[in-house]
Amino acid sequence: YQDGGLLAGHADNHNVPGIEVATGSLGHGLSIGVGMALAGKHDQKNYR
């Protein structure tokens, strides 16, 4: 939460290893997760 810092005040994946997507606009994360899970099924991947 510092000017010019890597870590934003809400989860941010910009140059931060381990963060999948920027979140904090509430109600969106599960929709993104559904898309990721559906892609995994489509591509026959075993990730969760």
ModelCIF file with pLDDT and N, C-alpha, C, O atoms, coordinates in Angstrom:
data_MODEL
#
_entry.id   MODEL 
#
_entity.id                         1 
_entity.type                       polymer 
_entity.pdbx_number_of_molecules   1 
#
_entity_poly.entity_id                      1 
_entity_poly.type                           'polypeptide(L)' 
_entity_poly.nstd_linkage                   no 
_entity_poly.nstd_monomer                   no 
_entity_poly.pdbx_seq_one_letter_code       YQDGGLLAGHADNHNVPGIEVATGSLGHGLSIGVGMALAGKHDQKNYR 
_entity_poly.pdbx_seq_one_letter_code_can   YQDGGLLAGHADNHNVPGIEVATGSLGHGLSIGVGMALAGKHDQKNYR 
_entity_poly.pdbx_strand_id                 A 
#
loop_
_entity_poly_seq.entity_id 
_entity_poly_seq.num 
_entity_poly_seq.mon_id 
_entity_poly_seq.hetero 
1 1  TYR n 
1 2  GLN n 
1 3  ASP n 
1 4  GLY n 
1 5  GLY n 
1 6  LEU n 
1 7  LEU n 
1 8  ALA n 
1 9  GLY n 
1 10 HIS n 
1 11 ALA n 
1 12 ASP n 
1 13 ASN n 
1 14 HIS n 
1 15 ASN n 
1 16 VAL n 
1 17 PRO n 
1 18 GLY n 
1 19 ILE n 
1 20 GLU n 
1 21 VAL n 
1 22 ALA n 
1 23 THR n 
1 24 GLY n 
1 25 SER n 
1 26 LEU n 
1 27 GLY n 
1 28 HIS n 
1 29 GLY n 
1 30 LEU n 
1 31 SER n 
1 32 ILE n 
1 33 GLY n 
1 34 VAL n 
1 35 GLY n 
1 36 MET n 
1 37 ALA n 
1 38 LEU n 
1 39 ALA n 
1 40 GLY n 
1 41 LYS n 
1 42 HIS n 
1 43 ASP n 
1 44 GLN n 
1 45 LYS n 
1 46 ASN n 
1 47 TYR n 
1 48 ARG n 
#
_struct_asym.id          A 
_struct_asym.entity_id   1 
#
loop_
_ma_qa_metric.id 
_ma_qa_metric.mode 
_ma_qa_metric.name 
_ma_qa_metric.software_group_id 
_ma_qa_metric.type 
1 global pLDDT . pLDDT 
2 local  pLDDT . pLDDT 
#
_ma_qa_metric_global.metric_id      1 
_ma_qa_metric_global.metric_value   95.54 
_ma_qa_metric_global.model_id       1 
_ma_qa_metric_global.ordinal_id     1 
#
loop_
_ma_qa_metric_local.label_asym_id 
_ma_qa_metric_local.label_comp_id 
_ma_qa_metric_local.label_seq_id 
_ma_qa_metric_local.metric_id 
_ma_qa_metric_local.metric_value 
_ma_qa_metric_local.model_id 
_ma_qa_metric_local.ordinal_id 
A TYR 1  2 95.00 1 1  
A GLN 2  2 93.00 1 2  
A ASP 3  2 92.00 1 3  
A GLY 4  2 90.00 1 4  
A GLY 5  2 91.00 1 5  
A LEU 6  2 93.00 1 6  
A LEU 7  2 96.00 1 7  
A ALA 8  2 95.00 1 8  
A GLY 9  2 93.00 1 9  
A HIS 10 2 94.00 1 10 
A ALA 11 2 93.00 1 11 
A ASP 12 2 92.00 1 12 
A ASN 13 2 92.00 1 13 
A HIS 14 2 90.00 1 14 
A ASN 15 2 89.00 1 15 
A VAL 16 2 95.00 1 16 
A PRO 17 2 96.00 1 17 
A GLY 18 2 97.00 1 18 
A ILE 19 2 97.00 1 19 
A GLU 20 2 97.00 1 20 
A VAL 21 2 97.00 1 21 
A ALA 22 2 96.00 1 22 
A THR 23 2 97.00 1 23 
A GLY 24 2 88.00 1 24 
A SER 25 2 93.00 1 25 
A LEU 26 2 96.00 1 26 
A GLY 27 2 96.00 1 27 
A HIS 28 2 97.00 1 28 
A GLY 29 2 98.00 1 29 
A LEU 30 2 98.00 1 30 
A SER 31 2 98.00 1 31 
A ILE 32 2 98.00 1 32 
A GLY 33 2 98.00 1 33 
A VAL 34 2 98.00 1 34 
A GLY 35 2 98.00 1 35 
A MET 36 2 98.00 1 36 
A ALA 37 2 98.00 1 37 
A LEU 38 2 98.00 1 38 
A ALA 39 2 98.00 1 39 
A GLY 40 2 98.00 1 40 
A LYS 41 2 98.00 1 41 
A HIS 42 2 98.00 1 42 
A ASP 43 2 97.00 1 43 
A GLN 44 2 97.00 1 44 
A LYS 45 2 97.00 1 45 
A ASN 46 2 97.00 1 46 
A TYR 47 2 98.00 1 47 
A ARG 48 2 98.00 1 48 
#
loop_
_atom_site.group_PDB 
_atom_site.id 
_atom_site.type_symbol 
_atom_site.label_atom_id 
_atom_site.label_alt_id 
_atom_site.label_comp_id 
_atom_site.label_asym_id 
_atom_site.label_entity_id 
_atom_site.label_seq_id 
_atom_site.pdbx_PDB_ins_code 
_atom_site.Cartn_x 
_atom_site.Cartn_y 
_atom_site.Cartn_z 
_atom_site.occupancy 
_atom_site.B_iso_or_equiv 
_atom_site.pdbx_formal_charge 
_atom_site.auth_seq_id 
_atom_site.auth_comp_id 
_atom_site.auth_asym_id 
_atom_site.auth_atom_id 
_atom_site.pdbx_PDB_model_num 
ATOM 1   N N  . TYR A 1 1  ? 0.809   -1.223  0.000   1.00 95.00 ? 1  TYR A N  1 
ATOM 2   C CA . TYR A 1 1  ? 0.000   0.000   0.000   1.00 95.00 ? 1  TYR A CA 1 
ATOM 3   C C  . TYR A 1 1  ? 0.842   1.272   0.000   1.00 95.00 ? 1  TYR A C  1 
ATOM 4   O O  . TYR A 1 1  ? 0.401   2.326   0.458   1.00 95.00 ? 1  TYR A O  1 
ATOM 5   N N  . GLN A 1 2  ? 2.067   1.153   -0.525  1.00 93.00 ? 2  GLN A N  1 
ATOM 6   C CA . GLN A 1 2  ? 2.961   2.298   -0.617  1.00 93.00 ? 2  GLN A CA 1 
ATOM 7   C C  . GLN A 1 2  ? 3.064   2.750   -2.078  1.00 93.00 ? 2  GLN A C  1 
ATOM 8   O O  . GLN A 1 2  ? 2.997   1.921   -2.986  1.00 93.00 ? 2  GLN A O  1 
ATOM 9   N N  . ASP A 1 3  ? 3.223   4.038   -2.305  1.00 92.00 ? 3  ASP A N  1 
ATOM 10  C CA . ASP A 1 3  ? 3.404   4.542   -3.664  1.00 92.00 ? 3  ASP A CA 1 
ATOM 11  C C  . ASP A 1 3  ? 4.598   3.852   -4.317  1.00 92.00 ? 3  ASP A C  1 
ATOM 12  O O  . ASP A 1 3  ? 5.697   3.835   -3.763  1.00 92.00 ? 3  ASP A O  1 
ATOM 13  N N  . GLY A 1 4  ? 4.370   3.286   -5.497  1.00 90.00 ? 4  GLY A N  1 
ATOM 14  C CA . GLY A 1 4  ? 5.433   2.599   -6.213  1.00 90.00 ? 4  GLY A CA 1 
ATOM 15  C C  . GLY A 1 4  ? 5.711   1.189   -5.730  1.00 90.00 ? 4  GLY A C  1 
ATOM 16  O O  . GLY A 1 4  ? 6.577   0.507   -6.278  1.00 90.00 ? 4  GLY A O  1 
ATOM 17  N N  . GLY A 1 5  ? 4.982   0.738   -4.702  1.00 91.00 ? 5  GLY A N  1 
ATOM 18  C CA . GLY A 1 5  ? 5.206   -0.597  -4.172  1.00 91.00 ? 5  GLY A CA 1 
ATOM 19  C C  . GLY A 1 5  ? 4.558   -1.672  -5.039  1.00 91.00 ? 5  GLY A C  1 
ATOM 20  O O  . GLY A 1 5  ? 3.679   -1.385  -5.852  1.00 91.00 ? 5  GLY A O  1 
ATOM 21  N N  . LEU A 1 6  ? 5.001   -2.910  -4.854  1.00 93.00 ? 6  LEU A N  1 
ATOM 22  C CA . LEU A 1 6  ? 4.462   -4.028  -5.640  1.00 93.00 ? 6  LEU A CA 1 
ATOM 23  C C  . LEU A 1 6  ? 3.107   -4.505  -5.135  1.00 93.00 ? 6  LEU A C  1 
ATOM 24  O O  . LEU A 1 6  ? 2.319   -5.051  -5.907  1.00 93.00 ? 6  LEU A O  1 
ATOM 25  N N  . LEU A 1 7  ? 2.826   -4.309  -3.859  1.00 96.00 ? 7  LEU A N  1 
ATOM 26  C CA . LEU A 1 7  ? 1.644   -4.906  -3.251  1.00 96.00 ? 7  LEU A CA 1 
ATOM 27  C C  . LEU A 1 7  ? 0.536   -3.880  -3.079  1.00 96.00 ? 7  LEU A C  1 
ATOM 28  O O  . LEU A 1 7  ? 0.625   -2.977  -2.247  1.00 96.00 ? 7  LEU A O  1 
ATOM 29  N N  . ALA A 1 8  ? -0.501  -4.035  -3.876  1.00 95.00 ? 8  ALA A N  1 
ATOM 30  C CA . ALA A 1 8  ? -1.623  -3.096  -3.857  1.00 95.00 ? 8  ALA A CA 1 
ATOM 31  C C  . ALA A 1 8  ? -2.535  -3.365  -2.668  1.00 95.00 ? 8  ALA A C  1 
ATOM 32  O O  . ALA A 1 8  ? -2.412  -4.387  -1.993  1.00 95.00 ? 8  ALA A O  1 
ATOM 33  N N  . GLY A 1 9  ? -3.445  -2.439  -2.425  1.00 93.00 ? 9  GLY A N  1 
ATOM 34  C CA . GLY A 1 9  ? -4.350  -2.526  -1.291  1.00 93.00 ? 9  GLY A CA 1 
ATOM 35  C C  . GLY A 1 9  ? -5.422  -3.583  -1.435  1.00 93.00 ? 9  GLY A C  1 
ATOM 36  O O  . GLY A 1 9  ? -6.056  -3.956  -0.448  1.00 93.00 ? 9  GLY A O  1 
ATOM 37  N N  . HIS A 1 10 ? -5.640  -4.074  -2.645  1.00 94.00 ? 10 HIS A N  1 
ATOM 38  C CA . HIS A 1 10 ? -6.461  -5.255  -2.889  1.00 94.00 ? 10 HIS A CA 1 
ATOM 39  C C  . HIS A 1 10 ? -5.600  -6.227  -3.697  1.00 94.00 ? 10 HIS A C  1 
ATOM 40  O O  . HIS A 1 10 ? -4.675  -5.811  -4.395  1.00 94.00 ? 10 HIS A O  1 
ATOM 41  N N  . ALA A 1 11 ? -5.905  -7.512  -3.600  1.00 93.00 ? 11 ALA A N  1 
ATOM 42  C CA . ALA A 1 11 ? -5.053  -8.524  -4.228  1.00 93.00 ? 11 ALA A CA 1 
ATOM 43  C C  . ALA A 1 11 ? -4.788  -8.189  -5.692  1.00 93.00 ? 11 ALA A C  1 
ATOM 44  O O  . ALA A 1 11 ? -5.719  -7.947  -6.460  1.00 93.00 ? 11 ALA A O  1 
ATOM 45  N N  . ASP A 1 12 ? -3.516  -8.177  -6.070  1.00 92.00 ? 12 ASP A N  1 
ATOM 46  C CA . ASP A 1 12 ? -3.113  -7.762  -7.409  1.00 92.00 ? 12 ASP A CA 1 
ATOM 47  C C  . ASP A 1 12 ? -2.050  -8.720  -7.920  1.00 92.00 ? 12 ASP A C  1 
ATOM 48  O O  . ASP A 1 12 ? -1.063  -8.983  -7.232  1.00 92.00 ? 12 ASP A O  1 
ATOM 49  N N  . ASN A 1 13 ? -2.248  -9.243  -9.125  1.00 92.00 ? 13 ASN A N  1 
ATOM 50  C CA . ASN A 1 13 ? -1.307  -10.215 -9.685  1.00 92.00 ? 13 ASN A CA 1 
ATOM 51  C C  . ASN A 1 13 ? -0.185  -9.569  -10.483 1.00 92.00 ? 13 ASN A C  1 
ATOM 52  O O  . ASN A 1 13 ? 0.643   -10.285 -11.045 1.00 92.00 ? 13 ASN A O  1 
ATOM 53  N N  . HIS A 1 14 ? -0.127  -8.257  -10.553 1.00 90.00 ? 14 HIS A N  1 
ATOM 54  C CA . HIS A 1 14 ? 0.903   -7.591  -11.358 1.00 90.00 ? 14 HIS A CA 1 
ATOM 55  C C  . HIS A 1 14 ? 2.271   -7.760  -10.700 1.00 90.00 ? 14 HIS A C  1 
ATOM 56  O O  . HIS A 1 14 ? 2.553   -7.143  -9.673  1.00 90.00 ? 14 HIS A O  1 
ATOM 57  N N  . ASN A 1 15 ? 3.121   -8.602  -11.298 1.00 89.00 ? 15 ASN A N  1 
ATOM 58  C CA . ASN A 1 15 ? 4.481   -8.853  -10.816 1.00 89.00 ? 15 ASN A CA 1 
ATOM 59  C C  . ASN A 1 15 ? 4.530   -9.434  -9.407  1.00 89.00 ? 15 ASN A C  1 
ATOM 60  O O  . ASN A 1 15 ? 5.531   -9.276  -8.707  1.00 89.00 ? 15 ASN A O  1 
ATOM 61  N N  . VAL A 1 16 ? 3.459   -10.103 -8.985  1.00 95.00 ? 16 VAL A N  1 
ATOM 62  C CA . VAL A 1 16 ? 3.437   -10.726 -7.656  1.00 95.00 ? 16 VAL A CA 1 
ATOM 63  C C  . VAL A 1 16 ? 3.260   -12.233 -7.838  1.00 95.00 ? 16 VAL A C  1 
ATOM 64  O O  . VAL A 1 16 ? 2.148   -12.681 -8.120  1.00 95.00 ? 16 VAL A O  1 
ATOM 65  N N  . PRO A 1 17 ? 4.317   -13.026 -7.686  1.00 96.00 ? 17 PRO A N  1 
ATOM 66  C CA . PRO A 1 17 ? 4.200   -14.482 -7.858  1.00 96.00 ? 17 PRO A CA 1 
ATOM 67  C C  . PRO A 1 17 ? 3.180   -15.070 -6.893  1.00 96.00 ? 17 PRO A C  1 
ATOM 68  O O  . PRO A 1 17 ? 3.139   -14.710 -5.717  1.00 96.00 ? 17 PRO A O  1 
ATOM 69  N N  . GLY A 1 18 ? 2.358   -15.978 -7.406  1.00 97.00 ? 18 GLY A N  1 
ATOM 70  C CA . GLY A 1 18 ? 1.391   -16.669 -6.569  1.00 97.00 ? 18 GLY A CA 1 
ATOM 71  C C  . GLY A 1 18 ? -0.009  -16.084 -6.604  1.00 97.00 ? 18 GLY A C  1 
ATOM 72  O O  . GLY A 1 18 ? -0.961  -16.745 -6.190  1.00 97.00 ? 18 GLY A O  1 
ATOM 73  N N  . ILE A 1 19 ? -0.155  -14.854 -7.090  1.00 97.00 ? 19 ILE A N  1 
ATOM 74  C CA . ILE A 1 19 ? -1.481  -14.248 -7.219  1.00 97.00 ? 19 ILE A CA 1 
ATOM 75  C C  . ILE A 1 19 ? -1.991  -14.540 -8.624  1.00 97.00 ? 19 ILE A C  1 
ATOM 76  O O  . ILE A 1 19 ? -1.355  -14.167 -9.610  1.00 97.00 ? 19 ILE A O  1 
ATOM 77  N N  . GLU A 1 20 ? -3.129  -15.200 -8.715  1.00 97.00 ? 20 GLU A N  1 
ATOM 78  C CA . GLU A 1 20 ? -3.667  -15.595 -10.020 1.00 97.00 ? 20 GLU A CA 1 
ATOM 79  C C  . GLU A 1 20 ? -4.314  -14.433 -10.757 1.00 97.00 ? 20 GLU A C  1 
ATOM 80  O O  . GLU A 1 20 ? -4.054  -14.224 -11.942 1.00 97.00 ? 20 GLU A O  1 
ATOM 81  N N  . VAL A 1 21 ? -5.161  -13.675 -10.058 1.00 97.00 ? 21 VAL A N  1 
ATOM 82  C CA . VAL A 1 21 ? -5.902  -12.576 -10.680 1.00 97.00 ? 21 VAL A CA 1 
ATOM 83  C C  . VAL A 1 21 ? -6.063  -11.450 -9.668  1.00 97.00 ? 21 VAL A C  1 
ATOM 84  O O  . VAL A 1 21 ? -6.011  -11.676 -8.459  1.00 97.00 ? 21 VAL A O  1 
ATOM 85  N N  . ALA A 1 22 ? -6.259  -10.231 -10.174 1.00 96.00 ? 22 ALA A N  1 
ATOM 86  C CA . ALA A 1 22 ? -6.574  -9.102  -9.309  1.00 96.00 ? 22 ALA A CA 1 
ATOM 87  C C  . ALA A 1 22 ? -8.021  -9.240  -8.840  1.00 96.00 ? 22 ALA A C  1 
ATOM 88  O O  . ALA A 1 22 ? -8.917  -9.506  -9.641  1.00 96.00 ? 22 ALA A O  1 
ATOM 89  N N  . THR A 1 23 ? -8.241  -9.060  -7.551  1.00 97.00 ? 23 THR A N  1 
ATOM 90  C CA . THR A 1 23 ? -9.587  -9.214  -7.003  1.00 97.00 ? 23 THR A CA 1 
ATOM 91  C C  . THR A 1 23 ? -9.881  -8.118  -5.981  1.00 97.00 ? 23 THR A C  1 
ATOM 92  O O  . THR A 1 23 ? -8.996  -7.366  -5.572  1.00 97.00 ? 23 THR A O  1 
ATOM 93  N N  . GLY A 1 24 ? -11.126 -8.055  -5.592  1.00 88.00 ? 24 GLY A N  1 
ATOM 94  C CA . GLY A 1 24 ? -11.543 -7.055  -4.620  1.00 88.00 ? 24 GLY A CA 1 
ATOM 95  C C  . GLY A 1 24 ? -12.810 -6.349  -5.037  1.00 88.00 ? 24 GLY A C  1 
ATOM 96  O O  . GLY A 1 24 ? -13.522 -5.794  -4.201  1.00 88.00 ? 24 GLY A O  1 
ATOM 97  N N  . SER A 1 25 ? -13.097 -6.367  -6.334  1.00 93.00 ? 25 SER A N  1 
ATOM 98  C CA . SER A 1 25 ? -14.412 -5.953  -6.802  1.00 93.00 ? 25 SER A CA 1 
ATOM 99  C C  . SER A 1 25 ? -15.326 -7.145  -6.545  1.00 93.00 ? 25 SER A C  1 
ATOM 100 O O  . SER A 1 25 ? -15.360 -8.099  -7.322  1.00 93.00 ? 25 SER A O  1 
ATOM 101 N N  . LEU A 1 26 ? -16.058 -7.074  -5.453  1.00 96.00 ? 26 LEU A N  1 
ATOM 102 C CA . LEU A 1 26 ? -16.686 -8.267  -4.892  1.00 96.00 ? 26 LEU A CA 1 
ATOM 103 C C  . LEU A 1 26 ? -17.718 -8.892  -5.825  1.00 96.00 ? 26 LEU A C  1 
ATOM 104 O O  . LEU A 1 26 ? -18.420 -8.208  -6.570  1.00 96.00 ? 26 LEU A O  1 
ATOM 105 N N  . GLY A 1 27 ? -17.780 -10.218 -5.753  1.00 96.00 ? 27 GLY A N  1 
ATOM 106 C CA . GLY A 1 27 ? -18.738 -10.969 -6.537  1.00 96.00 ? 27 GLY A CA 1 
ATOM 107 C C  . GLY A 1 27 ? -18.199 -11.512 -7.838  1.00 96.00 ? 27 GLY A C  1 
ATOM 108 O O  . GLY A 1 27 ? -18.935 -12.146 -8.594  1.00 96.00 ? 27 GLY A O  1 
ATOM 109 N N  . HIS A 1 28 ? -16.916 -11.278 -8.120  1.00 97.00 ? 28 HIS A N  1 
ATOM 110 C CA . HIS A 1 28 ? -16.349 -11.694 -9.402  1.00 97.00 ? 28 HIS A CA 1 
ATOM 111 C C  . HIS A 1 28 ? -15.466 -12.937 -9.308  1.00 97.00 ? 28 HIS A C  1 
ATOM 112 O O  . HIS A 1 28 ? -15.312 -13.661 -10.292 1.00 97.00 ? 28 HIS A O  1 
ATOM 113 N N  . GLY A 1 29 ? -14.891 -13.187 -8.148  1.00 98.00 ? 29 GLY A N  1 
ATOM 114 C CA . GLY A 1 29 ? -13.895 -14.254 -8.028  1.00 98.00 ? 29 GLY A CA 1 
ATOM 115 C C  . GLY A 1 29 ? -14.423 -15.630 -8.363  1.00 98.00 ? 29 GLY A C  1 
ATOM 116 O O  . GLY A 1 29 ? -13.728 -16.423 -8.998  1.00 98.00 ? 29 GLY A O  1 
ATOM 117 N N  . LEU A 1 30 ? -15.645 -15.928 -7.944  1.00 98.00 ? 30 LEU A N  1 
ATOM 118 C CA . LEU A 1 30 ? -16.182 -17.254 -8.218  1.00 98.00 ? 30 LEU A CA 1 
ATOM 119 C C  . LEU A 1 30 ? -16.449 -17.445 -9.702  1.00 98.00 ? 30 LEU A C  1 
ATOM 120 O O  . LEU A 1 30 ? -16.259 -18.543 -10.226 1.00 98.00 ? 30 LEU A O  1 
ATOM 121 N N  . SER A 1 31 ? -16.888 -16.390 -10.391 1.00 98.00 ? 31 SER A N  1 
ATOM 122 C CA . SER A 1 31 ? -17.088 -16.494 -11.836 1.00 98.00 ? 31 SER A CA 1 
ATOM 123 C C  . SER A 1 31 ? -15.770 -16.803 -12.543 1.00 98.00 ? 31 SER A C  1 
ATOM 124 O O  . SER A 1 31 ? -15.729 -17.613 -13.469 1.00 98.00 ? 31 SER A O  1 
ATOM 125 N N  . ILE A 1 32 ? -14.697 -16.155 -12.101 1.00 98.00 ? 32 ILE A N  1 
ATOM 126 C CA . ILE A 1 32 ? -13.380 -16.437 -12.677 1.00 98.00 ? 32 ILE A CA 1 
ATOM 127 C C  . ILE A 1 32 ? -12.984 -17.883 -12.390 1.00 98.00 ? 32 ILE A C  1 
ATOM 128 O O  . ILE A 1 32 ? -12.458 -18.578 -13.258 1.00 98.00 ? 32 ILE A O  1 
ATOM 129 N N  . GLY A 1 33 ? -13.244 -18.323 -11.164 1.00 98.00 ? 33 GLY A N  1 
ATOM 130 C CA . GLY A 1 33 ? -12.925 -19.692 -10.794 1.00 98.00 ? 33 GLY A CA 1 
ATOM 131 C C  . GLY A 1 33 ? -13.696 -20.712 -11.616 1.00 98.00 ? 33 GLY A C  1 
ATOM 132 O O  . GLY A 1 33 ? -13.153 -21.750 -11.994 1.00 98.00 ? 33 GLY A O  1 
ATOM 133 N N  . VAL A 1 34 ? -14.963 -20.416 -11.892 1.00 98.00 ? 34 VAL A N  1 
ATOM 134 C CA . VAL A 1 34 ? -15.761 -21.306 -12.742 1.00 98.00 ? 34 VAL A CA 1 
ATOM 135 C C  . VAL A 1 34 ? -15.120 -21.413 -14.121 1.00 98.00 ? 34 VAL A C  1 
ATOM 136 O O  . VAL A 1 34 ? -15.015 -22.504 -14.680 1.00 98.00 ? 34 VAL A O  1 
ATOM 137 N N  . GLY A 1 35 ? -14.693 -20.279 -14.664 1.00 98.00 ? 35 GLY A N  1 
ATOM 138 C CA . GLY A 1 35 ? -14.041 -20.302 -15.973 1.00 98.00 ? 35 GLY A CA 1 
ATOM 139 C C  . GLY A 1 35 ? -12.769 -21.123 -15.977 1.00 98.00 ? 35 GLY A C  1 
ATOM 140 O O  . GLY A 1 35 ? -12.525 -21.892 -16.907 1.00 98.00 ? 35 GLY A O  1 
ATOM 141 N N  . MET A 1 36 ? -11.943 -20.964 -14.926 1.00 98.00 ? 36 MET A N  1 
ATOM 142 C CA . MET A 1 36 ? -10.706 -21.735 -14.830 1.00 98.00 ? 36 MET A CA 1 
ATOM 143 C C  . MET A 1 36 ? -10.997 -23.232 -14.713 1.00 98.00 ? 36 MET A C  1 
ATOM 144 O O  . MET A 1 36 ? -10.345 -24.053 -15.358 1.00 98.00 ? 36 MET A O  1 
ATOM 145 N N  . ALA A 1 37 ? -11.992 -23.577 -13.875 1.00 98.00 ? 37 ALA A N  1 
ATOM 146 C CA . ALA A 1 37 ? -12.325 -24.986 -13.690 1.00 98.00 ? 37 ALA A CA 1 
ATOM 147 C C  . ALA A 1 37 ? -12.907 -25.593 -14.960 1.00 98.00 ? 37 ALA A C  1 
ATOM 148 O O  . ALA A 1 37 ? -12.609 -26.739 -15.295 1.00 98.00 ? 37 ALA A O  1 
ATOM 149 N N  . LEU A 1 38 ? -13.734 -24.829 -15.667 1.00 98.00 ? 38 LEU A N  1 
ATOM 150 C CA . LEU A 1 38 ? -14.315 -25.308 -16.919 1.00 98.00 ? 38 LEU A CA 1 
ATOM 151 C C  . LEU A 1 38 ? -13.225 -25.518 -17.972 1.00 98.00 ? 38 LEU A C  1 
ATOM 152 O O  . LEU A 1 38 ? -13.262 -26.486 -18.731 1.00 98.00 ? 38 LEU A O  1 
ATOM 153 N N  . ALA A 1 39 ? -12.253 -24.599 -18.007 1.00 98.00 ? 39 ALA A N  1 
ATOM 154 C CA . ALA A 1 39 ? -11.123 -24.753 -18.934 1.00 98.00 ? 39 ALA A CA 1 
ATOM 155 C C  . ALA A 1 39 ? -10.327 -26.005 -18.612 1.00 98.00 ? 39 ALA A C  1 
ATOM 156 O O  . ALA A 1 39 ? -9.897  -26.725 -19.513 1.00 98.00 ? 39 ALA A O  1 
ATOM 157 N N  . GLY A 1 40 ? -10.129 -26.266 -17.311 1.00 98.00 ? 40 GLY A N  1 
ATOM 158 C CA . GLY A 1 40 ? -9.410  -27.469 -16.919 1.00 98.00 ? 40 GLY A CA 1 
ATOM 159 C C  . GLY A 1 40 ? -10.111 -28.735 -17.369 1.00 98.00 ? 40 GLY A C  1 
ATOM 160 O O  . GLY A 1 40 ? -9.464  -29.675 -17.831 1.00 98.00 ? 40 GLY A O  1 
ATOM 161 N N  . LYS A 1 41 ? -11.432 -28.767 -17.237 1.00 98.00 ? 41 LYS A N  1 
ATOM 162 C CA . LYS A 1 41 ? -12.204 -29.914 -17.712 1.00 98.00 ? 41 LYS A CA 1 
ATOM 163 C C  . LYS A 1 41 ? -12.076 -30.065 -19.228 1.00 98.00 ? 41 LYS A C  1 
ATOM 164 O O  . LYS A 1 41 ? -11.860 -31.159 -19.748 1.00 98.00 ? 41 LYS A O  1 
ATOM 165 N N  . HIS A 1 42 ? -12.216 -28.935 -19.917 1.00 98.00 ? 42 HIS A N  1 
ATOM 166 C CA . HIS A 1 42 ? -12.160 -28.955 -21.388 1.00 98.00 ? 42 HIS A CA 1 
ATOM 167 C C  . HIS A 1 42 ? -10.802 -29.455 -21.878 1.00 98.00 ? 42 HIS A C  1 
ATOM 168 O O  . HIS A 1 42 ? -10.722 -30.217 -22.841 1.00 98.00 ? 42 HIS A O  1 
ATOM 169 N N  . ASP A 1 43 ? -9.738  -29.018 -21.205 1.00 97.00 ? 43 ASP A N  1 
ATOM 170 C CA . ASP A 1 43 ? -8.382  -29.376 -21.629 1.00 97.00 ? 43 ASP A CA 1 
ATOM 171 C C  . ASP A 1 43 ? -7.887  -30.672 -20.998 1.00 97.00 ? 43 ASP A C  1 
ATOM 172 O O  . ASP A 1 43 ? -6.744  -31.077 -21.210 1.00 97.00 ? 43 ASP A O  1 
ATOM 173 N N  . GLN A 1 44 ? -8.751  -31.317 -20.223 1.00 97.00 ? 44 GLN A N  1 
ATOM 174 C CA . GLN A 1 44 ? -8.423  -32.577 -19.562 1.00 97.00 ? 44 GLN A CA 1 
ATOM 175 C C  . GLN A 1 44 ? -7.181  -32.444 -18.665 1.00 97.00 ? 44 GLN A C  1 
ATOM 176 O O  . GLN A 1 44 ? -6.293  -33.297 -18.673 1.00 97.00 ? 44 GLN A O  1 
ATOM 177 N N  . LYS A 1 45 ? -7.151  -31.358 -17.901 1.00 97.00 ? 45 LYS A N  1 
ATOM 178 C CA . LYS A 1 45 ? -6.095  -31.111 -16.929 1.00 97.00 ? 45 LYS A CA 1 
ATOM 179 C C  . LYS A 1 45 ? -6.583  -31.541 -15.553 1.00 97.00 ? 45 LYS A C  1 
ATOM 180 O O  . LYS A 1 45 ? -7.784  -31.553 -15.287 1.00 97.00 ? 45 LYS A O  1 
ATOM 181 N N  . ASN A 1 46 ? -5.645  -31.892 -14.684 1.00 97.00 ? 46 ASN A N  1 
ATOM 182 C CA . ASN A 1 46 ? -6.061  -32.386 -13.369 1.00 97.00 ? 46 ASN A CA 1 
ATOM 183 C C  . ASN A 1 46 ? -5.878  -31.357 -12.263 1.00 97.00 ? 46 ASN A C  1 
ATOM 184 O O  . ASN A 1 46 ? -5.934  -31.707 -11.084 1.00 97.00 ? 46 ASN A O  1 
ATOM 185 N N  . TYR A 1 47 ? -5.658  -30.088 -12.622 1.00 98.00 ? 47 TYR A N  1 
ATOM 186 C CA . TYR A 1 47 ? -5.536  -29.075 -11.565 1.00 98.00 ? 47 TYR A CA 1 
ATOM 187 C C  . TYR A 1 47 ? -6.899  -28.786 -10.947 1.00 98.00 ? 47 TYR A C  1 
ATOM 188 O O  . TYR A 1 47 ? -7.948  -29.038 -11.540 1.00 98.00 ? 47 TYR A O  1 
ATOM 189 N N  . ARG A 1 48 ? -6.841  -28.244 -9.724  1.00 98.00 ? 48 ARG A N  1 
ATOM 190 C CA . ARG A 1 48 ? -8.046  -27.869 -9.006  1.00 98.00 ? 48 ARG A CA 1 
ATOM 191 C C  . ARG A 1 48 ? -8.079  -26.354 -8.816  1.00 98.00 ? 48 ARG A C  1 
ATOM 192 O O  . ARG A 1 48 ? -9.022  -25.826 -8.227  1.00 98.00 ? 48 ARG A O  1 
#
